[in-house]
Amino acid sequence: MIRSDGADLGARPMPAGDLFWESPDIWLTGGDQYGNPVGGQPATVFARVWNLGTLVAAPVFVDFFFIAPSLGILPSAPKQIGVKSACVVVPPLSAVVVACPTPWIPPITGGGELHSCLLATCSAPITGDVPKVPFNPAADRHTAQHNYMVVEAGASKEMSFTLHLGNLEPRLASVELMAAASWRTHPKAPQDGFSTRPSVIGPVNAIRDSTKSNETRLWAQRAALVLERPEQAHQALRRDEVRQVVTLTAAKLGHIARSSAIVGPPSRFDTVGPSFTPLADAIELKALQQASATFSISVPESAPHPWLVVNLAQVSRGAIVGGYTVAVRTLRP
């Protein structure tokens, strides 16, 4: 498995309100000082692959992908970095850091544009341990995602970003665009901590609903880790403050994707929490229809902490199905 957060032990589907796109197990070298990729400059992408079982996992194949800045990711959207998979042996109860065998040349973007999303998948086909819901970290532990960018901006600066989104279901669906924001002393949490604490209610309800002893154990361990590990100190913005900082300025419908939908099971465990604020009325999208949305982020005049972290989310049927995080380092005179 490749973790989606610091308490991820592989139980799926993840609780509906958890942030799964800030994987601590995907990163790159060769970027800028903040770890962002630089367009046209070769970078090496890494993934940390875990084996939480008691037997050696071998061979384990690891593949790396990138995609245009996106919220919900359609199965046909990711583009593989190179054509060769990394092949490793992962000892029991341990993790192995794997480098993508092909350097990644990030696309060159215009000034202020968000960088591409990164995904990594792992599989052990000999034992049948393979992804069942491709490119969906919330539903499949074999995939993780890193949709995260750091930018710098002065007080009162307004930035505009465009993100792709899409209906991941094979039917007409309503899609909501939401945001949460907070002031922080650091842009990212420690590897085993959290930028935003995951749900505790979700794992507890999963334990109550589960009939499988192994699944119950995983959810119980996740709940314990969520309570035990630190959440990064932050000052969350109220809903009215979020709407002053984040604005949906435009939404544009696109074409229907030429792919089949592989939809994971919906989360039974809770819904999007109160920290996320709707930015507009829901958008109706046809099955596998793509769209794009332009967001504006305005840096407030006063800043209690040096970092403004904005979480953008696509929500369907009460669950987050995709997201992107923008961490703004506020520059003061």
C-alpha atoms as a PDB file:
ATOM      1  CA  MET A   1       0.000   0.000   0.000  1.00  0.00           C
ATOM      2  CA  ILE A   2       0.908   3.684  -0.313  1.00  0.00           C
ATOM      3  CA  ARG A   3      -0.478   5.812   2.505  1.00  0.00           C
ATOM      4  CA  SER A   4      -2.865   8.703   2.020  1.00  0.00           C
ATOM      5  CA  ASP A   5      -2.226  10.156   5.484  1.00  0.00           C
ATOM      6  CA  GLY A   6      -0.227   9.510   8.635  1.00  0.00           C
ATOM      7  CA  ALA A   7      -2.756   7.044  10.092  1.00  0.00           C
ATOM      8  CA  ASP A   8      -3.462   5.102   6.922  1.00  0.00           C
ATOM      9  CA  LEU A   9      -3.323   1.335   7.470  1.00  0.00           C
ATOM     10  CA  GLY A  10      -5.142   0.378   4.292  1.00  0.00           C
ATOM     11  CA  ALA A  11      -8.769   0.314   5.450  1.00  0.00           C
ATOM     12  CA  ARG A  12     -11.111   1.495   2.701  1.00  0.00           C
ATOM     13  CA  PRO A  13     -13.214   3.355   1.786  1.00  0.00           C
ATOM     14  CA  MET A  14     -11.781   6.288   3.717  1.00  0.00           C
ATOM     15  CA  PRO A  15     -14.195   8.408   5.768  1.00  0.00           C
ATOM     16  CA  ALA A  16     -16.057  10.857   3.557  1.00  0.00           C
ATOM     17  CA  GLY A  17     -14.483  14.052   4.914  1.00  0.00           C
ATOM     18  CA  ASP A  18     -10.814  13.003   5.147  1.00  0.00           C
ATOM     19  CA  LEU A  19      -8.144  14.710   3.046  1.00  0.00           C
ATOM     20  CA  PHE A  20      -6.584  11.912   0.992  1.00  0.00           C
ATOM     21  CA  TRP A  21      -4.644  13.977  -1.579  1.00  0.00           C
ATOM     22  CA  GLU A  22      -1.722  15.040   0.643  1.00  0.00           C
ATOM     23  CA  SER A  23       0.077  11.680   0.736  1.00  0.00           C
ATOM     24  CA  PRO A  24       3.236  11.762   2.890  1.00  0.00           C
ATOM     25  CA  ASP A  25       4.590   8.944   0.714  1.00  0.00           C
ATOM     26  CA  ILE A  26       4.977  10.823  -2.591  1.00  0.00           C
ATOM     27  CA  TRP A  27       7.557  13.540  -3.195  1.00  0.00           C
ATOM     28  CA  LEU A  28      10.166  14.668  -5.695  1.00  0.00           C
ATOM     29  CA  THR A  29      13.683  16.032  -5.944  1.00  0.00           C
ATOM     30  CA  GLY A  30      14.878  18.507  -8.547  1.00  0.00           C
ATOM     31  CA  GLY A  31      12.125  21.047  -7.900  1.00  0.00           C
ATOM     32  CA  ASP A  32      12.173  24.441  -6.206  1.00  0.00           C
ATOM     33  CA  GLN A  33      12.887  25.238  -2.549  1.00  0.00           C
ATOM     34  CA  TYR A  34       9.361  24.228  -1.543  1.00  0.00           C
ATOM     35  CA  GLY A  35       9.367  20.877  -3.340  1.00  0.00           C
ATOM     36  CA  ASN A  36       7.235  22.122  -6.231  1.00  0.00           C
ATOM     37  CA  PRO A  37       8.140  20.794  -9.678  1.00  0.00           C
ATOM     38  CA  VAL A  38       9.606  23.324 -12.106  1.00  0.00           C
ATOM     39  CA  GLY A  39       8.266  23.226 -15.648  1.00  0.00           C
ATOM     40  CA  GLY A  40      10.786  21.814 -18.113  1.00  0.00           C
ATOM     41  CA  GLN A  41      13.299  20.909 -15.377  1.00  0.00           C
ATOM     42  CA  PRO A  42      13.913  17.160 -14.848  1.00  0.00           C
ATOM     43  CA  ALA A  43      12.768  15.809 -11.499  1.00  0.00           C
ATOM     44  CA  THR A  44      12.839  12.411  -9.813  1.00  0.00           C
ATOM     45  CA  VAL A  45       9.577  11.265  -8.232  1.00  0.00           C
ATOM     46  CA  PHE A  46       9.641   8.950  -5.209  1.00  0.00           C
ATOM     47  CA  ALA A  47       7.065   6.771  -3.463  1.00  0.00           C
ATOM     48  CA  ARG A  48       7.215   4.965  -0.146  1.00  0.00           C
ATOM     49  CA  VAL A  49       5.579   1.531  -0.438  1.00  0.00           C
ATOM     50  CA  TRP A  50       4.431  -0.321   2.686  1.00  0.00           C
ATOM     51  CA  ASN A  51       3.976  -3.993   3.441  1.00  0.00           C
ATOM     52  CA  LEU A  52       1.979  -4.379   6.645  1.00  0.00           C
ATOM     53  CA  GLY A  53       1.710  -8.147   6.289  1.00  0.00           C
ATOM     54  CA  THR A  54       3.882 -10.853   7.821  1.00  0.00           C
ATOM     55  CA  LEU A  55       5.195 -12.246   4.510  1.00  0.00           C
ATOM     56  CA  VAL A  56       7.604 -10.763   1.973  1.00  0.00           C
ATOM     57  CA  ALA A  57       5.863  -8.961  -0.910  1.00  0.00           C
ATOM     58  CA  ALA A  58       7.625  -9.693  -4.197  1.00  0.00           C
ATOM     59  CA  PRO A  59       7.753  -8.684  -6.883  1.00  0.00           C
ATOM     60  CA  VAL A  60       6.031  -5.367  -6.236  1.00  0.00           C
ATOM     61  CA  PHE A  61       5.573  -3.115  -9.253  1.00  0.00           C
ATOM     62  CA  VAL A  62       5.364   0.640  -8.715  1.00  0.00           C
ATOM     63  CA  ASP A  63       4.121   3.027 -11.396  1.00  0.00           C
ATOM     64  CA  PHE A  64       4.158   6.819 -11.398  1.00  0.00           C
ATOM     65  CA  PHE A  65       1.716   9.179 -13.086  1.00  0.00           C
ATOM     66  CA  PHE A  66       0.960  12.875 -13.456  1.00  0.00           C
ATOM     67  CA  ILE A  67      -2.189  14.724 -14.387  1.00  0.00           C
ATOM     68  CA  ALA A  68      -3.205  18.314 -15.080  1.00  0.00           C
ATOM     69  CA  PRO A  69      -4.172  20.134 -11.858  1.00  0.00           C
ATOM     70  CA  SER A  70      -7.410  18.428 -10.905  1.00  0.00           C
ATOM     71  CA  LEU A  71      -9.958  17.715  -8.215  1.00  0.00           C
ATOM     72  CA  GLY A  72     -11.921  14.630  -9.278  1.00  0.00           C
ATOM     73  CA  ILE A  73      -9.733  12.407 -11.482  1.00  0.00           C
ATOM     74  CA  LEU A  74     -11.293  10.398 -14.295  1.00  0.00           C
ATOM     75  CA  PRO A  75      -9.690   6.981 -14.983  1.00  0.00           C
ATOM     76  CA  SER A  76      -8.490   8.081 -18.429  1.00  0.00           C
ATOM     77  CA  ALA A  77      -6.752  11.261 -17.225  1.00  0.00           C
ATOM     78  CA  PRO A  78      -3.436  10.146 -15.607  1.00  0.00           C
ATOM     79  CA  LYS A  79      -0.365   9.944 -17.855  1.00  0.00           C
ATOM     80  CA  GLN A  80       2.392   7.513 -16.935  1.00  0.00           C
ATOM     81  CA  ILE A  81       5.890   8.848 -16.356  1.00  0.00           C
ATOM     82  CA  GLY A  82       7.979   6.733 -18.729  1.00  0.00           C
ATOM     83  CA  VAL A  83       6.981   3.233 -19.805  1.00  0.00           C
ATOM     84  CA  LYS A  84       8.864   1.129 -17.261  1.00  0.00           C
ATOM     85  CA  SER A  85       7.614   0.121 -13.822  1.00  0.00           C
ATOM     86  CA  ALA A  86       9.903   0.051 -10.817  1.00  0.00           C
ATOM     87  CA  CYS A  87      10.193  -3.478  -9.403  1.00  0.00           C
ATOM     88  CA  VAL A  88      11.085  -4.008  -5.736  1.00  0.00           C
ATOM     89  CA  VAL A  89      10.921  -6.443  -2.855  1.00  0.00           C
ATOM     90  CA  VAL A  90       9.183  -5.163   0.274  1.00  0.00           C
ATOM     91  CA  PRO A  91      10.030  -7.039   3.503  1.00  0.00           C
ATOM     92  CA  PRO A  92       7.236  -7.768   5.988  1.00  0.00           C
ATOM     93  CA  LEU A  93       6.143  -5.016   8.368  1.00  0.00           C
ATOM     94  CA  SER A  94       8.298  -2.414   6.651  1.00  0.00           C
ATOM     95  CA  ALA A  95       8.436   0.218   3.910  1.00  0.00           C
ATOM     96  CA  VAL A  96      10.685   0.720   0.893  1.00  0.00           C
ATOM     97  CA  VAL A  97      11.401   4.020  -0.852  1.00  0.00           C
ATOM     98  CA  VAL A  98      11.111   3.612  -4.618  1.00  0.00           C
ATOM     99  CA  ALA A  99      12.405   6.054  -7.241  1.00  0.00           C
ATOM    100  CA  CYS A 100      10.643   6.397 -10.568  1.00  0.00           C
ATOM    101  CA  PRO A 101      13.032   4.848 -13.127  1.00  0.00           C
ATOM    102  CA  THR A 102      12.276   7.602 -15.641  1.00  0.00           C
ATOM    103  CA  PRO A 103      12.958  11.290 -14.878  1.00  0.00           C
ATOM    104  CA  TRP A 104       9.840  13.411 -15.050  1.00  0.00           C
ATOM    105  CA  ILE A 105       9.852  16.570 -17.167  1.00  0.00           C
ATOM    106  CA  PRO A 106       7.012  18.639 -15.669  1.00  0.00           C
ATOM    107  CA  PRO A 107       4.875  20.562 -18.171  1.00  0.00           C
ATOM    108  CA  ILE A 108       5.757  24.223 -18.556  1.00  0.00           C
ATOM    109  CA  THR A 109       2.908  26.339 -17.204  1.00  0.00           C
ATOM    110  CA  GLY A 110       2.142  30.007 -17.213  1.00  0.00           C
ATOM    111  CA  GLY A 111       2.912  32.229 -14.250  1.00  0.00           C
ATOM    112  CA  GLY A 112       0.765  31.480 -11.225  1.00  0.00           C
ATOM    113  CA  GLU A 113      -0.643  28.211 -12.569  1.00  0.00           C
ATOM    114  CA  LEU A 114      -0.868  25.212 -10.282  1.00  0.00           C
ATOM    115  CA  HIS A 115       1.495  22.340 -10.956  1.00  0.00           C
ATOM    116  CA  SER A 116       0.482  18.853 -12.026  1.00  0.00           C
ATOM    117  CA  CYS A 117      -0.910  16.297  -9.600  1.00  0.00           C
ATOM    118  CA  LEU A 118       1.256  13.256  -8.888  1.00  0.00           C
ATOM    119  CA  LEU A 119      -0.006   9.705  -8.371  1.00  0.00           C
ATOM    120  CA  ALA A 120       1.718   6.443  -7.594  1.00  0.00           C
ATOM    121  CA  THR A 121       0.329   2.914  -7.671  1.00  0.00           C
ATOM    122  CA  CYS A 122       1.710  -0.378  -6.382  1.00  0.00           C
ATOM    123  CA  SER A 123       0.746  -3.960  -7.132  1.00  0.00           C
ATOM    124  CA  ALA A 124       1.874  -7.518  -6.456  1.00  0.00           C
ATOM    125  CA  PRO A 125       0.156  -9.433  -9.280  1.00  0.00           C
ATOM    126  CA  ILE A 126       1.550 -12.861  -8.381  1.00  0.00           C
ATOM    127  CA  THR A 127      -0.469 -12.828  -5.153  1.00  0.00           C
ATOM    128  CA  GLY A 128      -3.416 -10.977  -6.693  1.00  0.00           C
ATOM    129  CA  ASP A 129      -2.749  -7.872  -4.591  1.00  0.00           C
ATOM    130  CA  VAL A 130      -3.595  -5.306  -7.259  1.00  0.00           C
ATOM    131  CA  PRO A 131      -5.638  -2.093  -7.541  1.00  0.00           C
ATOM    132  CA  LYS A 132      -9.357  -2.680  -7.954  1.00  0.00           C
ATOM    133  CA  VAL A 133     -10.385   0.990  -8.247  1.00  0.00           C
ATOM    134  CA  PRO A 134      -7.619   2.629 -10.314  1.00  0.00           C
ATOM    135  CA  PHE A 135      -6.464   6.136  -9.404  1.00  0.00           C
ATOM    136  CA  ASN A 136      -8.885   6.461  -6.488  1.00  0.00           C
ATOM    137  CA  PRO A 137      -6.940   6.726  -3.195  1.00  0.00           C
ATOM    138  CA  ALA A 138     -10.120   7.078  -1.144  1.00  0.00           C
ATOM    139  CA  ALA A 139     -11.333   3.676  -2.336  1.00  0.00           C
ATOM    140  CA  ASP A 140      -8.106   1.752  -3.007  1.00  0.00           C
ATOM    141  CA  ARG A 141      -4.998   1.499  -0.809  1.00  0.00           C
ATOM    142  CA  HIS A 142      -2.755   0.699  -3.778  1.00  0.00           C
ATOM    143  CA  THR A 143      -2.919   4.295  -5.033  1.00  0.00           C
ATOM    144  CA  ALA A 144      -1.853   7.557  -3.409  1.00  0.00           C
ATOM    145  CA  GLN A 145      -2.001  11.115  -4.607  1.00  0.00           C
ATOM    146  CA  HIS A 146      -0.061  14.336  -4.040  1.00  0.00           C
ATOM    147  CA  ASN A 147      -2.035  17.423  -5.049  1.00  0.00           C
ATOM    148  CA  TYR A 148      -0.162  20.141  -3.219  1.00  0.00           C
ATOM    149  CA  MET A 149       1.521  23.389  -4.205  1.00  0.00           C
ATOM    150  CA  VAL A 150       3.311  26.144  -2.309  1.00  0.00           C
ATOM    151  CA  VAL A 151       3.126  29.755  -3.536  1.00  0.00           C
ATOM    152  CA  GLU A 152       4.248  33.111  -2.171  1.00  0.00           C
ATOM    153  CA  ALA A 153       2.019  36.173  -2.008  1.00  0.00           C
ATOM    154  CA  GLY A 154       1.860  39.512  -0.249  1.00  0.00           C
ATOM    155  CA  ALA A 155      -1.014  40.922   1.772  1.00  0.00           C
ATOM    156  CA  SER A 156      -4.126  41.743  -0.309  1.00  0.00           C
ATOM    157  CA  LYS A 157      -2.696  39.763  -3.231  1.00  0.00           C
ATOM    158  CA  GLU A 158      -5.321  37.960  -5.292  1.00  0.00           C
ATOM    159  CA  MET A 159      -4.378  34.778  -7.164  1.00  0.00           C
ATOM    160  CA  SER A 160      -6.435  32.895  -9.718  1.00  0.00           C
ATOM    161  CA  PHE A 161      -6.141  29.140 -10.411  1.00  0.00           C
ATOM    162  CA  THR A 162      -7.979  26.757 -12.708  1.00  0.00           C
ATOM    163  CA  LEU A 163      -8.588  23.132 -11.753  1.00  0.00           C
ATOM    164  CA  HIS A 164     -10.120  20.286 -13.752  1.00  0.00           C
ATOM    165  CA  LEU A 165     -12.918  18.192 -12.320  1.00  0.00           C
ATOM    166  CA  GLY A 166     -15.250  15.512 -13.517  1.00  0.00           C
ATOM    167  CA  ASN A 167     -18.180  13.294 -12.693  1.00  0.00           C
ATOM    168  CA  LEU A 168     -16.569   9.997 -11.685  1.00  0.00           C
ATOM    169  CA  GLU A 169     -19.851   8.088 -11.815  1.00  0.00           C
ATOM    170  CA  PRO A 170     -21.570   6.374 -14.769  1.00  0.00           C
ATOM    171  CA  ARG A 171     -24.698   8.445 -14.208  1.00  0.00           C
ATOM    172  CA  LEU A 172     -25.868  12.038 -13.912  1.00  0.00           C
ATOM    173  CA  ALA A 173     -24.561  13.500 -10.658  1.00  0.00           C
ATOM    174  CA  SER A 174     -24.457  16.750  -8.716  1.00  0.00           C
ATOM    175  CA  VAL A 175     -20.981  18.023  -7.908  1.00  0.00           C
ATOM    176  CA  GLU A 176     -20.303  20.603  -5.206  1.00  0.00           C
ATOM    177  CA  LEU A 177     -17.150  22.691  -4.987  1.00  0.00           C
ATOM    178  CA  MET A 178     -16.076  23.451  -1.415  1.00  0.00           C
ATOM    179  CA  ALA A 179     -13.148  24.990   0.417  1.00  0.00           C
ATOM    180  CA  ALA A 180     -11.571  25.086   3.853  1.00  0.00           C
ATOM    181  CA  ALA A 181      -8.787  27.397   4.986  1.00  0.00           C
ATOM    182  CA  SER A 182      -6.557  27.843   8.004  1.00  0.00           C
ATOM    183  CA  TRP A 183      -3.572  29.810   9.274  1.00  0.00           C
ATOM    184  CA  ARG A 184      -0.534  27.687  10.130  1.00  0.00           C
ATOM    185  CA  THR A 185       3.013  28.040  11.372  1.00  0.00           C
ATOM    186  CA  HIS A 186       4.253  25.429   8.846  1.00  0.00           C
ATOM    187  CA  PRO A 187       2.878  24.483   5.413  1.00  0.00           C
ATOM    188  CA  LYS A 188       3.007  20.712   5.944  1.00  0.00           C
ATOM    189  CA  ALA A 189       2.569  18.307   8.819  1.00  0.00           C
ATOM    190  CA  PRO A 190       5.264  15.822   9.932  1.00  0.00           C
ATOM    191  CA  GLN A 191       5.311  12.535   8.033  1.00  0.00           C
ATOM    192  CA  ASP A 192       3.323  10.712  10.720  1.00  0.00           C
ATOM    193  CA  GLY A 193       1.173  13.650  11.767  1.00  0.00           C
ATOM    194  CA  PHE A 194      -1.723  15.503  10.161  1.00  0.00           C
ATOM    195  CA  SER A 195      -2.286  18.890   8.625  1.00  0.00           C
ATOM    196  CA  THR A 196      -5.990  18.373   9.323  1.00  0.00           C
ATOM    197  CA  ARG A 197      -7.000  15.626  11.739  1.00  0.00           C
ATOM    198  CA  PRO A 198      -8.879  12.788   9.983  1.00  0.00           C
ATOM    199  CA  SER A 199     -12.234  11.565  11.171  1.00  0.00           C
ATOM    200  CA  VAL A 200     -12.472   9.546  14.384  1.00  0.00           C
ATOM    201  CA  ILE A 201     -16.205   8.990  14.045  1.00  0.00           C
ATOM    202  CA  GLY A 202     -15.653   7.292  10.675  1.00  0.00           C
ATOM    203  CA  PRO A 203     -13.423   4.490  11.966  1.00  0.00           C
ATOM    204  CA  VAL A 204     -15.641   3.986  15.028  1.00  0.00           C
ATOM    205  CA  ASN A 205     -18.742   3.613  12.847  1.00  0.00           C
ATOM    206  CA  ALA A 206     -16.816   1.291  10.531  1.00  0.00           C
ATOM    207  CA  ILE A 207     -15.941  -0.942  13.464  1.00  0.00           C
ATOM    208  CA  ARG A 208     -19.602  -1.059  14.417  1.00  0.00           C
ATOM    209  CA  ASP A 209     -20.708  -1.937  10.873  1.00  0.00           C
ATOM    210  CA  SER A 210     -17.980  -4.403   9.943  1.00  0.00           C
ATOM    211  CA  THR A 211     -18.463  -8.156  10.022  1.00  0.00           C
ATOM    212  CA  LYS A 212     -14.827  -8.946   9.170  1.00  0.00           C
ATOM    213  CA  SER A 213     -12.325  -9.255  12.010  1.00  0.00           C
ATOM    214  CA  ASN A 214      -9.371  -7.987   9.930  1.00  0.00           C
ATOM    215  CA  GLU A 215     -11.296  -4.913   8.776  1.00  0.00           C
ATOM    216  CA  THR A 216     -12.379  -4.208  12.352  1.00  0.00           C
ATOM    217  CA  ARG A 217      -8.767  -4.404  13.508  1.00  0.00           C
ATOM    218  CA  LEU A 218      -7.596  -1.962  10.822  1.00  0.00           C
ATOM    219  CA  TRP A 219     -10.281   0.596  11.651  1.00  0.00           C
ATOM    220  CA  ALA A 220      -9.584   0.295  15.378  1.00  0.00           C
ATOM    221  CA  GLN A 221      -5.875   0.870  14.793  1.00  0.00           C
ATOM    222  CA  ARG A 222      -6.627   3.849  12.571  1.00  0.00           C
ATOM    223  CA  ALA A 223      -8.838   5.422  15.227  1.00  0.00           C
ATOM    224  CA  ALA A 224      -6.081   4.937  17.802  1.00  0.00           C
ATOM    225  CA  LEU A 225      -3.457   6.525  15.548  1.00  0.00           C
ATOM    226  CA  VAL A 226      -5.713   9.481  14.742  1.00  0.00           C
ATOM    227  CA  LEU A 227      -6.100  10.180  18.453  1.00  0.00           C
ATOM    228  CA  GLU A 228      -2.445   9.499  19.289  1.00  0.00           C
ATOM    229  CA  ARG A 229      -0.596  11.400  16.584  1.00  0.00           C
ATOM    230  CA  PRO A 230      -0.323  15.174  16.549  1.00  0.00           C
ATOM    231  CA  GLU A 231      -2.368  17.494  14.423  1.00  0.00           C
ATOM    232  CA  GLN A 232      -0.454  20.489  13.162  1.00  0.00           C
ATOM    233  CA  ALA A 233      -1.296  23.598  15.181  1.00  0.00           C
ATOM    234  CA  HIS A 234      -3.580  25.824  13.148  1.00  0.00           C
ATOM    235  CA  GLN A 235      -6.270  28.469  13.312  1.00  0.00           C
ATOM    236  CA  ALA A 236      -9.199  27.468  11.109  1.00  0.00           C
ATOM    237  CA  LEU A 237     -11.127  30.169   9.301  1.00  0.00           C
ATOM    238  CA  ARG A 238     -14.868  30.442   9.894  1.00  0.00           C
ATOM    239  CA  ARG A 239     -17.222  29.828   6.991  1.00  0.00           C
ATOM    240  CA  ASP A 240     -17.774  33.528   6.362  1.00  0.00           C
ATOM    241  CA  GLU A 241     -14.001  34.074   6.421  1.00  0.00           C
ATOM    242  CA  VAL A 242     -13.436  31.212   3.974  1.00  0.00           C
ATOM    243  CA  ARG A 243     -15.847  32.835   1.511  1.00  0.00           C
ATOM    244  CA  GLN A 244     -13.879  36.089   1.773  1.00  0.00           C
ATOM    245  CA  VAL A 245     -10.611  34.292   1.009  1.00  0.00           C
ATOM    246  CA  VAL A 246     -11.739  31.732  -1.594  1.00  0.00           C
ATOM    247  CA  THR A 247     -14.110  32.487  -4.458  1.00  0.00           C
ATOM    248  CA  LEU A 248     -15.341  30.372  -7.345  1.00  0.00           C
ATOM    249  CA  THR A 249     -15.120  32.827 -10.254  1.00  0.00           C
ATOM    250  CA  ALA A 250     -16.004  30.577 -13.200  1.00  0.00           C
ATOM    251  CA  ALA A 251     -17.044  27.042 -14.106  1.00  0.00           C
ATOM    252  CA  LYS A 252     -16.966  25.579 -17.602  1.00  0.00           C
ATOM    253  CA  LEU A 253     -18.471  22.288 -18.732  1.00  0.00           C
ATOM    254  CA  GLY A 254     -16.371  20.030 -20.920  1.00  0.00           C
ATOM    255  CA  HIS A 255     -16.668  16.872 -23.002  1.00  0.00           C
ATOM    256  CA  ILE A 256     -17.534  13.320 -22.022  1.00  0.00           C
ATOM    257  CA  ALA A 257     -14.475  11.196 -21.253  1.00  0.00           C
ATOM    258  CA  ARG A 258     -13.836   8.139 -23.411  1.00  0.00           C
ATOM    259  CA  SER A 259     -13.348   5.672 -20.617  1.00  0.00           C
ATOM    260  CA  SER A 260     -15.311   3.370 -18.387  1.00  0.00           C
ATOM    261  CA  ALA A 261     -16.011   4.414 -14.821  1.00  0.00           C
ATOM    262  CA  ILE A 262     -14.757   2.208 -12.030  1.00  0.00           C
ATOM    263  CA  VAL A 263     -16.447   3.646  -8.981  1.00  0.00           C
ATOM    264  CA  GLY A 264     -15.415   2.622  -5.502  1.00  0.00           C
ATOM    265  CA  PRO A 265     -17.938   1.941  -2.748  1.00  0.00           C
ATOM    266  CA  PRO A 266     -19.349   5.110  -1.182  1.00  0.00           C
ATOM    267  CA  SER A 267     -18.190   5.950   2.311  1.00  0.00           C
ATOM    268  CA  ARG A 268     -20.714   4.742   4.887  1.00  0.00           C
ATOM    269  CA  PHE A 269     -19.014   6.353   7.811  1.00  0.00           C
ATOM    270  CA  ASP A 270     -19.642  10.095   7.871  1.00  0.00           C
ATOM    271  CA  THR A 271     -20.005  13.110   5.610  1.00  0.00           C
ATOM    272  CA  VAL A 272     -17.985  16.190   4.817  1.00  0.00           C
ATOM    273  CA  GLY A 273     -17.372  18.089   8.036  1.00  0.00           C
ATOM    274  CA  PRO A 274     -18.321  21.662   8.902  1.00  0.00           C
ATOM    275  CA  SER A 275     -14.810  22.925   8.125  1.00  0.00           C
ATOM    276  CA  PHE A 276     -15.647  22.807   4.390  1.00  0.00           C
ATOM    277  CA  THR A 277     -17.709  25.649   2.976  1.00  0.00           C
ATOM    278  CA  PRO A 278     -19.771  25.427  -0.265  1.00  0.00           C
ATOM    279  CA  LEU A 279     -18.578  28.021  -2.775  1.00  0.00           C
ATOM    280  CA  ALA A 280     -21.597  27.893  -5.105  1.00  0.00           C
ATOM    281  CA  ASP A 281     -24.635  25.859  -6.029  1.00  0.00           C
ATOM    282  CA  ALA A 282     -24.043  22.292  -7.147  1.00  0.00           C
ATOM    283  CA  ILE A 283     -23.113  21.644 -10.784  1.00  0.00           C
ATOM    284  CA  GLU A 284     -24.967  18.924 -12.710  1.00  0.00           C
ATOM    285  CA  LEU A 285     -22.604  16.757 -14.757  1.00  0.00           C
ATOM    286  CA  LYS A 286     -23.429  13.893 -17.081  1.00  0.00           C
ATOM    287  CA  ALA A 287     -21.745  10.525 -16.637  1.00  0.00           C
ATOM    288  CA  LEU A 288     -17.948  10.958 -16.992  1.00  0.00           C
ATOM    289  CA  GLN A 289     -18.383  14.576 -18.068  1.00  0.00           C
ATOM    290  CA  GLN A 290     -15.378  16.782 -17.537  1.00  0.00           C
ATOM    291  CA  ALA A 291     -15.393  20.407 -16.428  1.00  0.00           C
ATOM    292  CA  SER A 292     -13.081  23.101 -15.133  1.00  0.00           C
ATOM    293  CA  ALA A 293     -13.392  25.628 -12.350  1.00  0.00           C
ATOM    294  CA  THR A 294     -11.481  28.840 -11.717  1.00  0.00           C
ATOM    295  CA  PHE A 295     -10.882  29.829  -8.119  1.00  0.00           C
ATOM    296  CA  SER A 296      -9.611  33.079  -6.673  1.00  0.00           C
ATOM    297  CA  ILE A 297      -7.620  33.191  -3.418  1.00  0.00           C
ATOM    298  CA  SER A 298      -7.244  36.563  -1.686  1.00  0.00           C
ATOM    299  CA  VAL A 299      -4.618  36.953   1.040  1.00  0.00           C
ATOM    300  CA  PRO A 300      -6.041  38.914   4.020  1.00  0.00           C
ATOM    301  CA  GLU A 301      -4.331  42.052   5.286  1.00  0.00           C
ATOM    302  CA  SER A 302      -3.616  40.623   8.730  1.00  0.00           C
ATOM    303  CA  ALA A 303      -1.982  37.231   9.238  1.00  0.00           C
ATOM    304  CA  PRO A 304      -1.788  35.537  12.676  1.00  0.00           C
ATOM    305  CA  HIS A 305       0.612  32.955  11.189  1.00  0.00           C
ATOM    306  CA  PRO A 306       2.940  32.991   8.161  1.00  0.00           C
ATOM    307  CA  TRP A 307       1.107  30.312   6.155  1.00  0.00           C
ATOM    308  CA  LEU A 308      -2.419  30.388   4.717  1.00  0.00           C
ATOM    309  CA  VAL A 309      -3.402  26.845   3.690  1.00  0.00           C
ATOM    310  CA  VAL A 310      -6.426  26.426   1.412  1.00  0.00           C
ATOM    311  CA  ASN A 311      -8.028  23.027   0.779  1.00  0.00           C
ATOM    312  CA  LEU A 312     -10.224  22.868  -2.333  1.00  0.00           C
ATOM    313  CA  ALA A 313     -12.554  19.880  -2.672  1.00  0.00           C
ATOM    314  CA  GLN A 314     -14.966  18.275  -5.092  1.00  0.00           C
ATOM    315  CA  VAL A 315     -17.889  16.677  -3.252  1.00  0.00           C
ATOM    316  CA  SER A 316     -20.412  14.169  -4.570  1.00  0.00           C
ATOM    317  CA  ARG A 317     -23.114  12.339  -2.590  1.00  0.00           C
ATOM    318  CA  GLY A 318     -21.828  13.905   0.616  1.00  0.00           C
ATOM    319  CA  ALA A 319     -18.255  12.614   0.204  1.00  0.00           C
ATOM    320  CA  ILE A 320     -15.069  14.278  -0.950  1.00  0.00           C
ATOM    321  CA  VAL A 321     -14.016  12.629  -4.226  1.00  0.00           C
ATOM    322  CA  GLY A 322     -11.074  14.868  -5.079  1.00  0.00           C
ATOM    323  CA  GLY A 323      -9.073  17.772  -3.756  1.00  0.00           C
ATOM    324  CA  TYR A 324      -6.121  20.110  -4.126  1.00  0.00           C
ATOM    325  CA  THR A 325      -4.228  22.040  -1.455  1.00  0.00           C
ATOM    326  CA  VAL A 326      -2.594  25.435  -1.979  1.00  0.00           C
ATOM    327  CA  ALA A 327      -0.227  26.615   0.764  1.00  0.00           C
ATOM    328  CA  VAL A 328       0.396  30.362   0.589  1.00  0.00           C
ATOM    329  CA  ARG A 329       3.487  31.785   2.256  1.00  0.00           C
ATOM    330  CA  THR A 330       2.410  35.298   3.163  1.00  0.00           C
ATOM    331  CA  LEU A 331       5.059  37.922   2.498  1.00  0.00           C
ATOM    332  CA  ARG A 332       5.048  40.929   4.796  1.00  0.00           C
ATOM    333  CA  PRO A 333       6.976  44.175   4.312  1.00  0.00           C
END
